[in-house]
Protein backbone atom coordinates (compact mmCIF):
# COMPACT_ATOMS: atom_id res chain seq x y z
CA MET A 1 0.00 0.00 0.00
CA SER A 2 1.21 3.48 -0.77
CA SER A 3 -0.51 6.61 0.47
CA GLU A 4 0.60 8.59 -2.60
CA GLY A 5 -2.43 10.03 -4.34
CA SER A 6 -4.66 8.95 -1.47
CA SER A 7 -7.00 11.41 0.22
CA ILE A 8 -6.65 9.46 3.48
CA PRO A 9 -4.10 11.10 5.80
CA VAL A 10 -1.67 8.70 7.46
CA THR A 11 -2.51 9.22 11.12
CA GLY A 12 -2.71 7.17 14.27
CA SER A 13 -2.85 7.17 18.04
CA CYS A 14 -2.37 5.20 21.20
CA LEU A 15 -5.28 3.47 22.94
CA CYS A 16 -6.07 6.33 25.34
CA GLY A 17 -5.63 9.05 22.69
CA ASN A 18 -3.02 11.02 24.66
CA VAL A 19 -0.50 10.47 21.85
CA THR A 20 -1.43 11.09 18.24
CA TYR A 21 0.75 11.23 15.17
CA LYS A 22 0.69 12.15 11.51
CA ILE A 23 3.14 10.73 8.99
CA ASP A 24 4.21 13.13 6.25
CA ALA A 25 5.43 10.48 3.82
CA PRO A 26 3.88 7.79 1.65
CA ILE A 27 3.68 4.25 2.97
CA THR A 28 5.92 2.13 0.78
CA LEU A 29 7.07 -0.61 3.16
CA VAL A 30 4.63 -2.79 5.07
CA GLY A 31 6.35 -5.57 6.95
CA ILE A 32 5.71 -8.39 9.35
CA CYS A 33 8.41 -9.17 11.90
CA HIS A 34 8.62 -12.56 13.58
CA CYS A 35 11.49 -11.85 16.00
CA ASP A 36 10.94 -12.58 19.68
CA ASN A 37 11.34 -8.92 20.72
CA CYS A 38 8.67 -7.74 18.25
CA ARG A 39 6.28 -10.48 19.35
CA ARG A 40 6.73 -9.42 22.96
CA VAL A 41 6.35 -5.68 22.34
CA SER A 42 3.25 -6.22 20.18
CA GLY A 43 1.72 -8.90 22.41
CA ALA A 44 0.92 -10.91 19.29
CA ALA A 45 2.24 -13.80 17.19
CA TYR A 46 4.02 -11.27 14.95
CA ASN A 47 4.34 -7.53 14.57
CA LEU A 48 2.86 -5.62 11.63
CA GLY A 49 4.70 -2.37 10.99
CA ILE A 50 5.03 0.28 8.33
CA GLY A 51 8.47 1.61 7.52
CA VAL A 52 8.60 5.39 7.29
CA PRO A 53 11.34 8.03 7.49
CA ARG A 54 11.90 8.94 11.15
CA ALA A 55 11.72 12.64 10.35
CA ALA A 56 8.24 12.16 8.81
CA ILE A 57 6.58 11.24 12.13
CA ASN A 58 4.98 14.31 13.72
CA VAL A 59 3.88 13.55 17.27
CA THR A 60 1.47 15.31 19.59
CA GLY A 61 1.65 14.23 23.24
CA GLU A 62 4.26 12.79 25.55
CA THR A 63 5.99 9.52 24.69
CA LYS A 64 8.48 7.32 26.53
CA GLU A 65 11.00 4.90 25.14
CA TYR A 66 12.43 1.55 26.15
CA VAL A 67 15.76 0.54 24.62
CA LYS A 68 16.88 -3.05 24.11
CA ALA A 69 19.35 -4.74 21.76
CA GLY A 70 17.66 -6.25 18.71
CA GLY A 71 18.54 -9.18 16.47
CA SER A 72 21.29 -7.16 14.78
CA GLY A 73 22.94 -6.52 18.13
CA GLN A 74 22.16 -2.81 17.75
CA ASP A 75 19.83 -0.99 20.14
CA VAL A 76 16.15 -0.76 19.21
CA HIS A 77 14.18 2.16 20.62
CA HIS A 78 10.58 1.14 21.42
CA VAL A 79 8.40 4.26 21.71
CA PHE A 80 5.16 4.02 23.67
CA CYS A 81 2.49 6.03 25.46
CA PRO A 82 3.38 6.47 29.15
CA ASN A 83 -0.30 6.56 30.12
CA CYS A 84 -1.84 3.51 28.42
CA GLY A 85 1.35 1.67 27.41
CA SER A 86 0.46 1.33 23.72
CA PRO A 87 3.56 0.62 21.63
CA LEU A 88 3.69 3.20 18.82
CA TRP A 89 6.86 2.59 16.81
CA SER A 90 10.32 1.08 16.96
CA ALA A 91 13.55 2.48 15.58
CA SER A 92 16.81 0.54 15.34
CA ASP A 93 20.25 2.07 15.60
CA SER A 94 21.19 -0.24 12.70
CA ASN A 95 19.22 2.09 10.35
CA LYS A 96 18.82 5.60 11.71
CA GLU A 97 16.71 6.77 8.75
CA ILE A 98 13.62 4.60 9.26
CA SER A 99 11.10 3.81 12.00
CA PHE A 100 8.54 1.02 12.02
CA VAL A 101 5.16 2.32 13.13
CA LYS A 102 2.91 -0.31 14.71
CA GLY A 103 0.16 -1.14 12.23
CA GLY A 104 -2.50 -1.44 14.93
CA THR A 105 -2.01 2.19 15.97
CA LEU A 106 -2.84 3.55 12.51
CA SER A 107 -6.30 4.92 11.76
CA VAL A 108 -8.74 2.16 10.87
CA GLU A 109 -9.10 3.54 7.33
CA ILE A 110 -5.35 3.09 6.76
CA GLN A 111 -5.25 -0.32 8.46
CA LYS A 112 -7.81 -1.62 5.97
CA THR A 113 -5.54 -0.71 3.04
CA LEU A 114 -2.32 -2.31 4.28
CA GLN A 115 -0.83 -5.21 2.35
CA PRO A 116 2.44 -6.63 3.74
CA ASN A 117 5.25 -6.72 1.16
CA MET A 118 7.97 -8.29 3.28
CA GLU A 119 8.65 -10.44 6.33
CA LEU A 120 11.61 -10.17 8.69
CA PHE A 121 13.13 -12.92 10.84
CA SER A 122 11.12 -15.48 8.88
CA ALA A 123 13.15 -18.30 10.42
CA GLN A 124 11.58 -17.38 13.79
CA ARG A 125 8.00 -17.52 12.43
CA LEU A 126 5.77 -19.53 14.75
CA PRO A 127 4.83 -22.88 13.20
CA TYR A 128 1.10 -22.16 13.01
CA ILE A 129 1.62 -19.00 10.93
CA THR A 130 1.27 -20.38 7.40
CA ASP A 131 0.59 -17.26 5.31
CA ARG A 132 3.56 -15.71 3.48
CA TYR A 133 3.85 -12.08 2.38
CA GLY A 134 6.38 -10.71 -0.10
CA LYS A 135 10.12 -10.83 0.42
CA GLN A 136 11.30 -13.23 3.13
CA ALA A 137 14.28 -12.14 5.22
């Protein structure tokens, strides 16, 4: 999915609404991550995220961050709402240009248009996940 030419703004929020964001860039990367850290931070069998330039995320409200080494050995910054705890996006020191915004925090209109085009840490995919999406890494 790409938001280019779309009249739907790329926006999202945490569960309580204290943190909102707008992304001033088209969505070109929609990925599923199967790594253990992403499963834990998302609370799900995998994490759906959209890759966007870090500078394109315009935030309203206070956020906090938790830092932990990722699969690359580099630190990953997990940004969340300090009130409700919703994870909002993750950003790895291994690529300082991009952040992965949590798909479930996007507006429902945008969520309905997402189509994953890649999977990360496919070797760690849980055995009952049988669907495959795009490039496997």
